[in-house]
Amino acid sequence: MTPEGKVKKQAKAILDYFGAYYFFPATGGYGRSGVPDIVACFNGWFIGIEIKSGDNIPTALQYKELVMIKKRKGVALVVNEKSLDALHDALSALAASPKQT
C-alpha cells in the first residue's frame, strides 16, 4: 500500500466511526480533475478531503477546488498522517453543530 493509501485507509476509518456518508470520486475520463480524494456528507455538511502523505501539498488545481468548497460554506480539509486528528476533531465539531439546511 502506498503512503497515501495508508492515510486514506485511516481517514476512512474515522469517517466510518462517525457514520459519515462518503465516496472516492473517479477523476479520469468523465470525472473532474482536482476534486478532493474523498467527498463526504456528515450532519448536513458537505466535506471535501484531500489526502496527502509526508510533506506533499495540494496542487494548484486541488487547492482551487478546496477554496471553491469553502466559498460555498462547505468544509475542505487537507489530511496527512500527521493531521488525522484534525479530521477527527472536525467531525466531532460538526457532530455538535446545527445541521445545514
PDB file of N, CA and C in Angstrom:
ATOM      1  N   MET A   1       0.852  -1.187   0.000  1.00  0.00           N
ATOM      2  CA  MET A   1       0.000   0.000   0.000  1.00  0.00           C
ATOM      3  C   MET A   1       0.891   1.242   0.000  1.00  0.00           C
ATOM      4  N   THR A   2       0.502   2.236  -0.786  1.00  0.00           N
ATOM      5  CA  THR A   2       1.268   3.476  -0.856  1.00  0.00           C
ATOM      6  C   THR A   2       1.115   4.265   0.446  1.00  0.00           C
ATOM      7  N   PRO A   3       2.037   5.187   0.722  1.00  0.00           N
ATOM      8  CA  PRO A   3       1.869   6.029   1.918  1.00  0.00           C
ATOM      9  C   PRO A   3       0.542   6.785   1.906  1.00  0.00           C
ATOM     10  N   GLU A   4       0.138   7.299   0.736  1.00  0.00           N
ATOM     11  CA  GLU A   4      -1.147   7.999   0.642  1.00  0.00           C
ATOM     12  C   GLU A   4      -2.304   7.023   0.863  1.00  0.00           C
ATOM     13  N   GLY A   5      -2.154   5.797   0.374  1.00  0.00           N
ATOM     14  CA  GLY A   5      -3.185   4.776   0.574  1.00  0.00           C
ATOM     15  C   GLY A   5      -3.391   4.466   2.048  1.00  0.00           C
ATOM     16  N   LYS A   6      -2.305   4.479   2.813  1.00  0.00           N
ATOM     17  CA  LYS A   6      -2.408   4.239   4.257  1.00  0.00           C
ATOM     18  C   LYS A   6      -3.183   5.362   4.943  1.00  0.00           C
ATOM     19  N   VAL A   7      -2.932   6.601   4.506  1.00  0.00           N
ATOM     20  CA  VAL A   7      -3.651   7.739   5.084  1.00  0.00           C
ATOM     21  C   VAL A   7      -5.133   7.655   4.713  1.00  0.00           C
ATOM     22  N   LYS A   8      -5.424   7.283   3.450  1.00  0.00           N
ATOM     23  CA  LYS A   8      -6.824   7.123   3.030  1.00  0.00           C
ATOM     24  C   LYS A   8      -7.533   6.080   3.884  1.00  0.00           C
ATOM     25  N   LYS A   9      -6.850   4.987   4.163  1.00  0.00           N
ATOM     26  CA  LYS A   9      -7.444   3.921   4.974  1.00  0.00           C
ATOM     27  C   LYS A   9      -7.772   4.427   6.378  1.00  0.00           C
ATOM     28  N   GLN A  10      -6.876   5.203   6.960  1.00  0.00           N
ATOM     29  CA  GLN A  10      -7.113   5.753   8.297  1.00  0.00           C
ATOM     30  C   GLN A  10      -8.224   6.798   8.280  1.00  0.00           C
ATOM     31  N   ALA A  11      -8.254   7.628   7.232  1.00  0.00           N
ATOM     32  CA  ALA A  11      -9.328   8.627   7.110  1.00  0.00           C
ATOM     33  C   ALA A  11     -10.672   7.925   6.962  1.00  0.00           C
ATOM     34  N   LYS A  12     -10.701   6.856   6.183  1.00  0.00           N
ATOM     35  CA  LYS A  12     -11.921   6.077   6.001  1.00  0.00           C
ATOM     36  C   LYS A  12     -12.413   5.531   7.343  1.00  0.00           C
ATOM     37  N   ALA A  13     -11.494   5.040   8.165  1.00  0.00           N
ATOM     38  CA  ALA A  13     -11.867   4.509   9.482  1.00  0.00           C
ATOM     39  C   ALA A  13     -12.490   5.601  10.356  1.00  0.00           C
ATOM     40  N   ILE A  14     -11.969   6.816  10.282  1.00  0.00           N
ATOM     41  CA  ILE A  14     -12.528   7.927  11.060  1.00  0.00           C
ATOM     42  C   ILE A  14     -13.921   8.272  10.554  1.00  0.00           C
ATOM     43  N   LEU A  15     -14.077   8.341   9.239  1.00  0.00           N
ATOM     44  CA  LEU A  15     -15.401   8.631   8.666  1.00  0.00           C
ATOM     45  C   LEU A  15     -16.401   7.545   9.036  1.00  0.00           C
ATOM     46  N   ASP A  16     -15.968   6.284   9.006  1.00  0.00           N
ATOM     47  CA  ASP A  16     -16.833   5.174   9.408  1.00  0.00           C
ATOM     48  C   ASP A  16     -17.240   5.302  10.873  1.00  0.00           C
ATOM     49  N   TYR A  17     -16.299   5.657  11.719  1.00  0.00           N
ATOM     50  CA  TYR A  17     -16.561   5.804  13.149  1.00  0.00           C
ATOM     51  C   TYR A  17     -17.701   6.808  13.393  1.00  0.00           C
ATOM     52  N   PHE A  18     -17.688   7.902  12.619  1.00  0.00           N
ATOM     53  CA  PHE A  18     -18.711   8.932  12.796  1.00  0.00           C
ATOM     54  C   PHE A  18     -19.984   8.636  12.008  1.00  0.00           C
ATOM     55  N   GLY A  19     -19.961   7.615  11.169  1.00  0.00           N
ATOM     56  CA  GLY A  19     -21.138   7.275  10.374  1.00  0.00           C
ATOM     57  C   GLY A  19     -21.376   8.229   9.217  1.00  0.00           C
ATOM     58  N   ALA A  20     -20.320   8.830   8.709  1.00  0.00           N
ATOM     59  CA  ALA A  20     -20.442   9.774   7.601  1.00  0.00           C
ATOM     60  C   ALA A  20     -20.700   9.036   6.288  1.00  0.00           C
ATOM     61  N   TYR A  21     -21.405   9.683   5.394  1.00  0.00           N
ATOM     62  CA  TYR A  21     -21.541   9.212   4.017  1.00  0.00           C
ATOM     63  C   TYR A  21     -20.326   9.743   3.269  1.00  0.00           C
ATOM     64  N   TYR A  22     -19.680   8.914   2.467  1.00  0.00           N
ATOM     65  CA  TYR A  22     -18.515   9.369   1.709  1.00  0.00           C
ATOM     66  C   TYR A  22     -18.272   8.470   0.510  1.00  0.00           C
ATOM     67  N   PHE A  23     -17.496   8.989  -0.428  1.00  0.00           N
ATOM     68  CA  PHE A  23     -17.043   8.193  -1.558  1.00  0.00           C
ATOM     69  C   PHE A  23     -15.737   8.773  -2.084  1.00  0.00           C
ATOM     70  N   PHE A  24     -15.064   7.977  -2.878  1.00  0.00           N
ATOM     71  CA  PHE A  24     -13.803   8.349  -3.511  1.00  0.00           C
ATOM     72  C   PHE A  24     -14.115   8.607  -4.994  1.00  0.00           C
ATOM     73  N   PRO A  25     -14.231   9.865  -5.408  1.00  0.00           N
ATOM     74  CA  PRO A  25     -14.640  10.141  -6.787  1.00  0.00           C
ATOM     75  C   PRO A  25     -13.574   9.748  -7.811  1.00  0.00           C
ATOM     76  N   ALA A  26     -14.043   9.248  -8.946  1.00  0.00           N
ATOM     77  CA  ALA A  26     -13.155   8.948 -10.068  1.00  0.00           C
ATOM     78  C   ALA A  26     -12.892  10.243 -10.823  1.00  0.00           C
ATOM     79  N   THR A  27     -11.644  10.510 -11.161  1.00  0.00           N
ATOM     80  CA  THR A  27     -11.327  11.770 -11.826  1.00  0.00           C
ATOM     81  C   THR A  27     -10.944  11.583 -13.285  1.00  0.00           C
ATOM     82  N   GLY A  28     -10.738  10.366 -13.737  1.00  0.00           N
ATOM     83  CA  GLY A  28     -10.364  10.142 -15.129  1.00  0.00           C
ATOM     84  C   GLY A  28     -11.584  10.100 -16.030  1.00  0.00           C
ATOM     85  N   GLY A  29     -11.367  10.248 -17.318  1.00  0.00           N
ATOM     86  CA  GLY A  29     -12.463  10.151 -18.278  1.00  0.00           C
ATOM     87  C   GLY A  29     -13.484  11.247 -18.092  1.00  0.00           C
ATOM     88  N   TYR A  30     -14.630  10.894 -17.544  1.00  0.00           N
ATOM     89  CA  TYR A  30     -15.707  11.862 -17.351  1.00  0.00           C
ATOM     90  C   TYR A  30     -15.628  12.587 -16.013  1.00  0.00           C
ATOM     91  N   GLY A  31     -14.668  12.226 -15.174  1.00  0.00           N
ATOM     92  CA  GLY A  31     -14.532  12.876 -13.877  1.00  0.00           C
ATOM     93  C   GLY A  31     -13.965  14.282 -14.005  1.00  0.00           C
ATOM     94  N   ARG A  32     -13.880  14.955 -12.907  1.00  0.00           N
ATOM     95  CA  ARG A  32     -13.394  16.333 -12.871  1.00  0.00           C
ATOM     96  C   ARG A  32     -12.047  16.361 -12.161  1.00  0.00           C
ATOM     97  N   SER A  33     -11.038  16.879 -12.810  1.00  0.00           N
ATOM     98  CA  SER A  33      -9.698  16.940 -12.230  1.00  0.00           C
ATOM     99  C   SER A  33      -9.661  17.913 -11.060  1.00  0.00           C
ATOM    100  N   GLY A  34      -8.900  17.559 -10.052  1.00  0.00           N
ATOM    101  CA  GLY A  34      -8.700  18.430  -8.905  1.00  0.00           C
ATOM    102  C   GLY A  34      -9.669  18.233  -7.767  1.00  0.00           C
ATOM    103  N   VAL A  35     -10.736  17.442  -7.977  1.00  0.00           N
ATOM    104  CA  VAL A  35     -11.676  17.236  -6.873  1.00  0.00           C
ATOM    105  C   VAL A  35     -10.958  16.515  -5.736  1.00  0.00           C
ATOM    106  N   PRO A  36     -11.384  16.733  -4.496  1.00  0.00           N
ATOM    107  CA  PRO A  36     -10.740  16.079  -3.363  1.00  0.00           C
ATOM    108  C   PRO A  36     -10.804  14.551  -3.472  1.00  0.00           C
ATOM    109  N   ASP A  37      -9.876  13.904  -2.809  1.00  0.00           N
ATOM    110  CA  ASP A  37      -9.805  12.438  -2.820  1.00  0.00           C
ATOM    111  C   ASP A  37     -11.046  11.801  -2.212  1.00  0.00           C
ATOM    112  N   ILE A  38     -11.605  12.453  -1.192  1.00  0.00           N
ATOM    113  CA  ILE A  38     -12.801  11.936  -0.538  1.00  0.00           C
ATOM    114  C   ILE A  38     -13.845  13.047  -0.499  1.00  0.00           C
ATOM    115  N   VAL A  39     -15.056  12.720  -0.920  1.00  0.00           N
ATOM    116  CA  VAL A  39     -16.191  13.629  -0.822  1.00  0.00           C
ATOM    117  C   VAL A  39     -17.136  13.010   0.197  1.00  0.00           C
ATOM    118  N   ALA A  40     -17.515  13.795   1.191  1.00  0.00           N
ATOM    119  CA  ALA A  40     -18.327  13.256   2.287  1.00  0.00           C
ATOM    120  C   ALA A  40     -19.465  14.205   2.635  1.00  0.00           C
ATOM    121  N   CYS A  41     -20.433  13.641   3.343  1.00  0.00           N
ATOM    122  CA  CYS A  41     -21.525  14.415   3.913  1.00  0.00           C
ATOM    123  C   CYS A  41     -21.721  13.911   5.338  1.00  0.00           C
ATOM    124  N   PHE A  42     -21.742  14.844   6.279  1.00  0.00           N
ATOM    125  CA  PHE A  42     -21.919  14.462   7.676  1.00  0.00           C
ATOM    126  C   PHE A  42     -22.699  15.547   8.395  1.00  0.00           C
ATOM    127  N   ASN A  43     -23.778  15.151   9.049  1.00  0.00           N
ATOM    128  CA  ASN A  43     -24.616  16.062   9.826  1.00  0.00           C
ATOM    129  C   ASN A  43     -25.055  17.270   8.998  1.00  0.00           C
ATOM    130  N   GLY A  44     -25.301  17.030   7.722  1.00  0.00           N
ATOM    131  CA  GLY A  44     -25.754  18.088   6.845  1.00  0.00           C
ATOM    132  C   GLY A  44     -24.654  18.920   6.221  1.00  0.00           C
ATOM    133  N   TRP A  45     -23.406  18.622   6.504  1.00  0.00           N
ATOM    134  CA  TRP A  45     -22.277  19.378   5.981  1.00  0.00           C
ATOM    135  C   TRP A  45     -21.638  18.656   4.807  1.00  0.00           C
ATOM    136  N   PHE A  46     -21.317  19.398   3.748  1.00  0.00           N
ATOM    137  CA  PHE A  46     -20.543  18.883   2.627  1.00  0.00           C
ATOM    138  C   PHE A  46     -19.071  18.997   2.999  1.00  0.00           C
ATOM    139  N   ILE A  47     -18.321  17.918   2.791  1.00  0.00           N
ATOM    140  CA  ILE A  47     -16.915  17.889   3.185  1.00  0.00           C
ATOM    141  C   ILE A  47     -16.071  17.360   2.028  1.00  0.00           C
ATOM    142  N   GLY A  48     -15.011  18.085   1.695  1.00  0.00           N
ATOM    143  CA  GLY A  48     -14.029  17.631   0.716  1.00  0.00           C
ATOM    144  C   GLY A  48     -12.713  17.394   1.438  1.00  0.00           C
ATOM    145  N   ILE A  49     -12.137  16.205   1.258  1.00  0.00           N
ATOM    146  CA  ILE A  49     -10.897  15.850   1.961  1.00  0.00           C
ATOM    147  C   ILE A  49      -9.833  15.479   0.937  1.00  0.00           C
ATOM    148  N   GLU A  50      -8.783  16.270   0.894  1.00  0.00           N
ATOM    149  CA  GLU A  50      -7.640  15.971   0.038  1.00  0.00           C
ATOM    150  C   GLU A  50      -6.616  15.220   0.888  1.00  0.00           C
ATOM    151  N   ILE A  51      -6.232  14.047   0.443  1.00  0.00           N
ATOM    152  CA  ILE A  51      -5.293  13.200   1.189  1.00  0.00           C
ATOM    153  C   ILE A  51      -3.889  13.379   0.624  1.00  0.00           C
ATOM    154  N   LYS A  52      -2.953  13.603   1.501  1.00  0.00           N
ATOM    155  CA  LYS A  52      -1.538  13.709   1.133  1.00  0.00           C
ATOM    156  C   LYS A  52      -0.720  12.856   2.092  1.00  0.00           C
ATOM    157  N   SER A  53       0.505  12.586   1.716  1.00  0.00           N
ATOM    158  CA  SER A  53       1.402  11.882   2.634  1.00  0.00           C
ATOM    159  C   SER A  53       2.681  12.708   2.770  1.00  0.00           C
ATOM    160  N   GLY A  54       3.310  12.556   3.911  1.00  0.00           N
ATOM    161  CA  GLY A  54       4.553  13.279   4.156  1.00  0.00           C
ATOM    162  C   GLY A  54       4.372  14.774   4.045  1.00  0.00           C
ATOM    163  N   ASP A  55       5.305  15.405   3.341  1.00  0.00           N
ATOM    164  CA  ASP A  55       5.276  16.860   3.181  1.00  0.00           C
ATOM    165  C   ASP A  55       4.595  17.302   1.890  1.00  0.00           C
ATOM    166  N   ASN A  56       3.931  16.389   1.203  1.00  0.00           N
ATOM    167  CA  ASN A  56       3.241  16.741  -0.043  1.00  0.00           C
ATOM    168  C   ASN A  56       2.128  17.742   0.238  1.00  0.00           C
ATOM    169  N   ILE A  57       1.905  18.617  -0.720  1.00  0.00           N
ATOM    170  CA  ILE A  57       0.861  19.634  -0.606  1.00  0.00           C
ATOM    171  C   ILE A  57      -0.060  19.536  -1.820  1.00  0.00           C
ATOM    172  N   PRO A  58      -1.266  20.096  -1.733  1.00  0.00           N
ATOM    173  CA  PRO A  58      -2.177  20.057  -2.875  1.00  0.00           C
ATOM    174  C   PRO A  58      -1.596  20.793  -4.084  1.00  0.00           C
ATOM    175  N   THR A  59      -1.951  20.307  -5.257  1.00  0.00           N
ATOM    176  CA  THR A  59      -1.585  21.006  -6.481  1.00  0.00           C
ATOM    177  C   THR A  59      -2.422  22.283  -6.575  1.00  0.00           C
ATOM    178  N   ALA A  60      -2.080  23.133  -7.504  1.00  0.00           N
ATOM    179  CA  ALA A  60      -2.844  24.373  -7.688  1.00  0.00           C
ATOM    180  C   ALA A  60      -4.304  24.064  -8.004  1.00  0.00           C
ATOM    181  N   LEU A  61      -4.550  23.055  -8.828  1.00  0.00           N
ATOM    182  CA  LEU A  61      -5.916  22.691  -9.191  1.00  0.00           C
ATOM    183  C   LEU A  61      -6.670  22.124  -7.983  1.00  0.00           C
ATOM    184  N   GLN A  62      -6.016  21.295  -7.183  1.00  0.00           N
ATOM    185  CA  GLN A  62      -6.644  20.753  -5.970  1.00  0.00           C
ATOM    186  C   GLN A  62      -6.947  21.878  -4.988  1.00  0.00           C
ATOM    187  N   TYR A  63      -6.014  22.797  -4.829  1.00  0.00           N
ATOM    188  CA  TYR A  63      -6.216  23.926  -3.934  1.00  0.00           C
ATOM    189  C   TYR A  63      -7.415  24.763  -4.392  1.00  0.00           C
ATOM    190  N   LYS A  64      -7.520  24.992  -5.706  1.00  0.00           N
ATOM    191  CA  LYS A  64      -8.643  25.760  -6.258  1.00  0.00           C
ATOM    192  C   LYS A  64      -9.972  25.100  -5.896  1.00  0.00           C
ATOM    193  N   GLU A  65     -10.054  23.790  -6.008  1.00  0.00           N
ATOM    194  CA  GLU A  65     -11.287  23.069  -5.666  1.00  0.00           C
ATOM    195  C   GLU A  65     -11.610  23.210  -4.179  1.00  0.00           C
ATOM    196  N   LEU A  66     -10.602  23.102  -3.326  1.00  0.00           N
ATOM    197  CA  LEU A  66     -10.818  23.251  -1.881  1.00  0.00           C
ATOM    198  C   LEU A  66     -11.327  24.652  -1.547  1.00  0.00           C
ATOM    199  N   VAL A  67     -10.772  25.651  -2.189  1.00  0.00           N
ATOM    200  CA  VAL A  67     -11.211  27.035  -1.971  1.00  0.00           C
ATOM    201  C   VAL A  67     -12.661  27.200  -2.420  1.00  0.00           C
ATOM    202  N   MET A  68     -13.028  26.599  -3.552  1.00  0.00           N
ATOM    203  CA  MET A  68     -14.419  26.696  -4.031  1.00  0.00           C
ATOM    204  C   MET A  68     -15.379  26.060  -3.026  1.00  0.00           C
ATOM    205  N   ILE A  69     -14.982  24.948  -2.418  1.00  0.00           N
ATOM    206  CA  ILE A  69     -15.831  24.304  -1.409  1.00  0.00           C
ATOM    207  C   ILE A  69     -16.018  25.243  -0.220  1.00  0.00           C
ATOM    208  N   LYS A  70     -14.925  25.834   0.254  1.00  0.00           N
ATOM    209  CA  LYS A  70     -15.013  26.748   1.397  1.00  0.00           C
ATOM    210  C   LYS A  70     -15.868  27.969   1.085  1.00  0.00           C
ATOM    211  N   LYS A  71     -15.728  28.504  -0.121  1.00  0.00           N
ATOM    212  CA  LYS A  71     -16.514  29.688  -0.506  1.00  0.00           C
ATOM    213  C   LYS A  71     -18.003  29.391  -0.520  1.00  0.00           C
ATOM    214  N   ARG A  72     -18.355  28.142  -0.708  1.00  0.00           N
ATOM    215  CA  ARG A  72     -19.765  27.739  -0.741  1.00  0.00           C
ATOM    216  C   ARG A  72     -20.220  27.166   0.602  1.00  0.00           C
ATOM    217  N   LYS A  73     -19.462  27.487   1.637  1.00  0.00           N
ATOM    218  CA  LYS A  73     -19.793  27.134   3.021  1.00  0.00           C
ATOM    219  C   LYS A  73     -19.643  25.645   3.340  1.00  0.00           C
ATOM    220  N   GLY A  74     -18.885  24.920   2.521  1.00  0.00           N
ATOM    221  CA  GLY A  74     -18.569  23.531   2.834  1.00  0.00           C
ATOM    222  C   GLY A  74     -17.302  23.465   3.680  1.00  0.00           C
ATOM    223  N   VAL A  75     -16.927  22.279   4.049  1.00  0.00           N
ATOM    224  CA  VAL A  75     -15.720  22.041   4.833  1.00  0.00           C
ATOM    225  C   VAL A  75     -14.689  21.415   3.902  1.00  0.00           C
ATOM    226  N   ALA A  76     -13.508  22.002   3.837  1.00  0.00           N
ATOM    227  CA  ALA A  76     -12.435  21.500   2.989  1.00  0.00           C
ATOM    228  C   ALA A  76     -11.199  21.271   3.849  1.00  0.00           C
ATOM    229  N   LEU A  77     -10.665  20.054   3.785  1.00  0.00           N
ATOM    230  CA  LEU A  77      -9.515  19.685   4.613  1.00  0.00           C
ATOM    231  C   LEU A  77      -8.418  19.048   3.775  1.00  0.00           C
ATOM    232  N   VAL A  78      -7.187  19.281   4.174  1.00  0.00           N
ATOM    233  CA  VAL A  78      -6.042  18.542   3.649  1.00  0.00           C
ATOM    234  C   VAL A  78      -5.537  17.709   4.813  1.00  0.00           C
ATOM    235  N   VAL A  79      -5.465  16.399   4.605  1.00  0.00           N
ATOM    236  CA  VAL A  79      -5.115  15.487   5.698  1.00  0.00           C
ATOM    237  C   VAL A  79      -3.919  14.638   5.289  1.00  0.00           C
ATOM    238  N   ASN A  80      -2.951  14.544   6.189  1.00  0.00           N
ATOM    239  CA  ASN A  80      -1.849  13.597   6.024  1.00  0.00           C
ATOM    240  C   ASN A  80      -1.715  12.796   7.309  1.00  0.00           C
ATOM    241  N   GLU A  81      -0.685  11.944   7.375  1.00  0.00           N
ATOM    242  CA  GLU A  81      -0.567  11.071   8.541  1.00  0.00           C
ATOM    243  C   GLU A  81      -0.378  11.840   9.845  1.00  0.00           C
ATOM    244  N   LYS A  82       0.096  13.076   9.759  1.00  0.00           N
ATOM    245  CA  LYS A  82       0.310  13.893  10.951  1.00  0.00           C
ATOM    246  C   LYS A  82      -0.934  14.672  11.363  1.00  0.00           C
ATOM    247  N   SER A  83      -1.925  14.753  10.475  1.00  0.00           N
ATOM    248  CA  SER A  83      -3.090  15.597  10.774  1.00  0.00           C
ATOM    249  C   SER A  83      -4.405  14.817  10.781  1.00  0.00           C
ATOM    250  N   LEU A  84      -4.341  13.515  10.955  1.00  0.00           N
ATOM    251  CA  LEU A  84      -5.578  12.732  11.037  1.00  0.00           C
ATOM    252  C   LEU A  84      -6.428  13.148  12.226  1.00  0.00           C
ATOM    253  N   ASP A  85      -5.783  13.602  13.294  1.00  0.00           N
ATOM    254  CA  ASP A  85      -6.536  14.093  14.454  1.00  0.00           C
ATOM    255  C   ASP A  85      -7.402  15.300  14.075  1.00  0.00           C
ATOM    256  N   ALA A  86      -6.937  16.105  13.121  1.00  0.00           N
ATOM    257  CA  ALA A  86      -7.714  17.263  12.688  1.00  0.00           C
ATOM    258  C   ALA A  86      -9.015  16.819  12.015  1.00  0.00           C
ATOM    259  N   LEU A  87      -8.971  15.714  11.274  1.00  0.00           N
ATOM    260  CA  LEU A  87     -10.194  15.181  10.670  1.00  0.00           C
ATOM    261  C   LEU A  87     -11.150  14.721  11.762  1.00  0.00           C
ATOM    262  N   HIS A  88     -10.636  14.007  12.744  1.00  0.00           N
ATOM    263  CA  HIS A  88     -11.460  13.548  13.871  1.00  0.00           C
ATOM    264  C   HIS A  88     -12.065  14.749  14.598  1.00  0.00           C
ATOM    265  N   ASP A  89     -11.234  15.754  14.865  1.00  0.00           N
ATOM    266  CA  ASP A  89     -11.705  16.946  15.578  1.00  0.00           C
ATOM    267  C   ASP A  89     -12.763  17.698  14.767  1.00  0.00           C
ATOM    268  N   ALA A  90     -12.570  17.791  13.449  1.00  0.00           N
ATOM    269  CA  ALA A  90     -13.540  18.484  12.600  1.00  0.00           C
ATOM    270  C   ALA A  90     -14.885  17.772  12.621  1.00  0.00           C
ATOM    271  N   LEU A  91     -14.861  16.447  12.525  1.00  0.00           N
ATOM    272  CA  LEU A  91     -16.119  15.693  12.555  1.00  0.00           C
ATOM    273  C   LEU A  91     -16.778  15.782  13.927  1.00  0.00           C
ATOM    274  N   SER A  92     -15.983  15.814  14.982  1.00  0.00           N
ATOM    275  CA  SER A  92     -16.544  15.993  16.327  1.00  0.00           C
ATOM    276  C   SER A  92     -17.257  17.342  16.420  1.00  0.00           C
ATOM    277  N   ALA A  93     -16.633  18.385  15.887  1.00  0.00           N
ATOM    278  CA  ALA A  93     -17.229  19.717  15.922  1.00  0.00           C
ATOM    279  C   ALA A  93     -18.508  19.748  15.078  1.00  0.00           C
ATOM    280  N   LEU A  94     -18.480  19.111  13.922  1.00  0.00           N
ATOM    281  CA  LEU A  94     -19.659  19.104  13.056  1.00  0.00           C
ATOM    282  C   LEU A  94     -20.801  18.296  13.690  1.00  0.00           C
ATOM    283  N   ALA A  95     -20.450  17.281  14.454  1.00  0.00           N
ATOM    284  CA  ALA A  95     -21.481  16.478  15.138  1.00  0.00           C
ATOM    285  C   ALA A  95     -22.221  17.336  16.148  1.00  0.00           C
ATOM    286  N   ALA A  96     -21.523  18.296  16.733  1.00  0.00           N
ATOM    287  CA  ALA A  96     -22.123  19.141  17.771  1.00  0.00           C
ATOM    288  C   ALA A  96     -22.777  20.404  17.193  1.00  0.00           C
ATOM    289  N   SER A  97     -22.541  20.681  15.908  1.00  0.00           N
ATOM    290  CA  SER A  97     -23.078  21.905  15.320  1.00  0.00           C
ATOM    291  C   SER A  97     -24.452  21.659  14.707  1.00  0.00           C
ATOM    292  N   PRO A  98     -25.220  22.724  14.562  1.00  0.00           N
ATOM    293  CA  PRO A  98     -26.541  22.569  13.937  1.00  0.00           C
ATOM    294  C   PRO A  98     -26.407  22.052  12.513  1.00  0.00           C
ATOM    295  N   LYS A  99     -27.360  21.242  12.120  1.00  0.00           N
ATOM    296  CA  LYS A  99     -27.358  20.708  10.761  1.00  0.00           C
ATOM    297  C   LYS A  99     -27.571  21.810   9.760  1.00  0.00           C
ATOM    298  N   GLN A 100     -26.927  21.660   8.612  1.00  0.00           N
ATOM    299  CA  GLN A 100     -27.137  22.586   7.496  1.00  0.00           C
ATOM    300  C   GLN A 100     -28.460  22.251   6.825  1.00  0.00           C
ATOM    301  N   THR A 101     -29.150  23.264   6.338  1.00  0.00           N
ATOM    302  CA  THR A 101     -30.398  23.013   5.610  1.00  0.00           C
ATOM    303  C   THR A 101     -30.327  23.589   4.226  1.00  0.00           C
TER     304      THR A 101
END
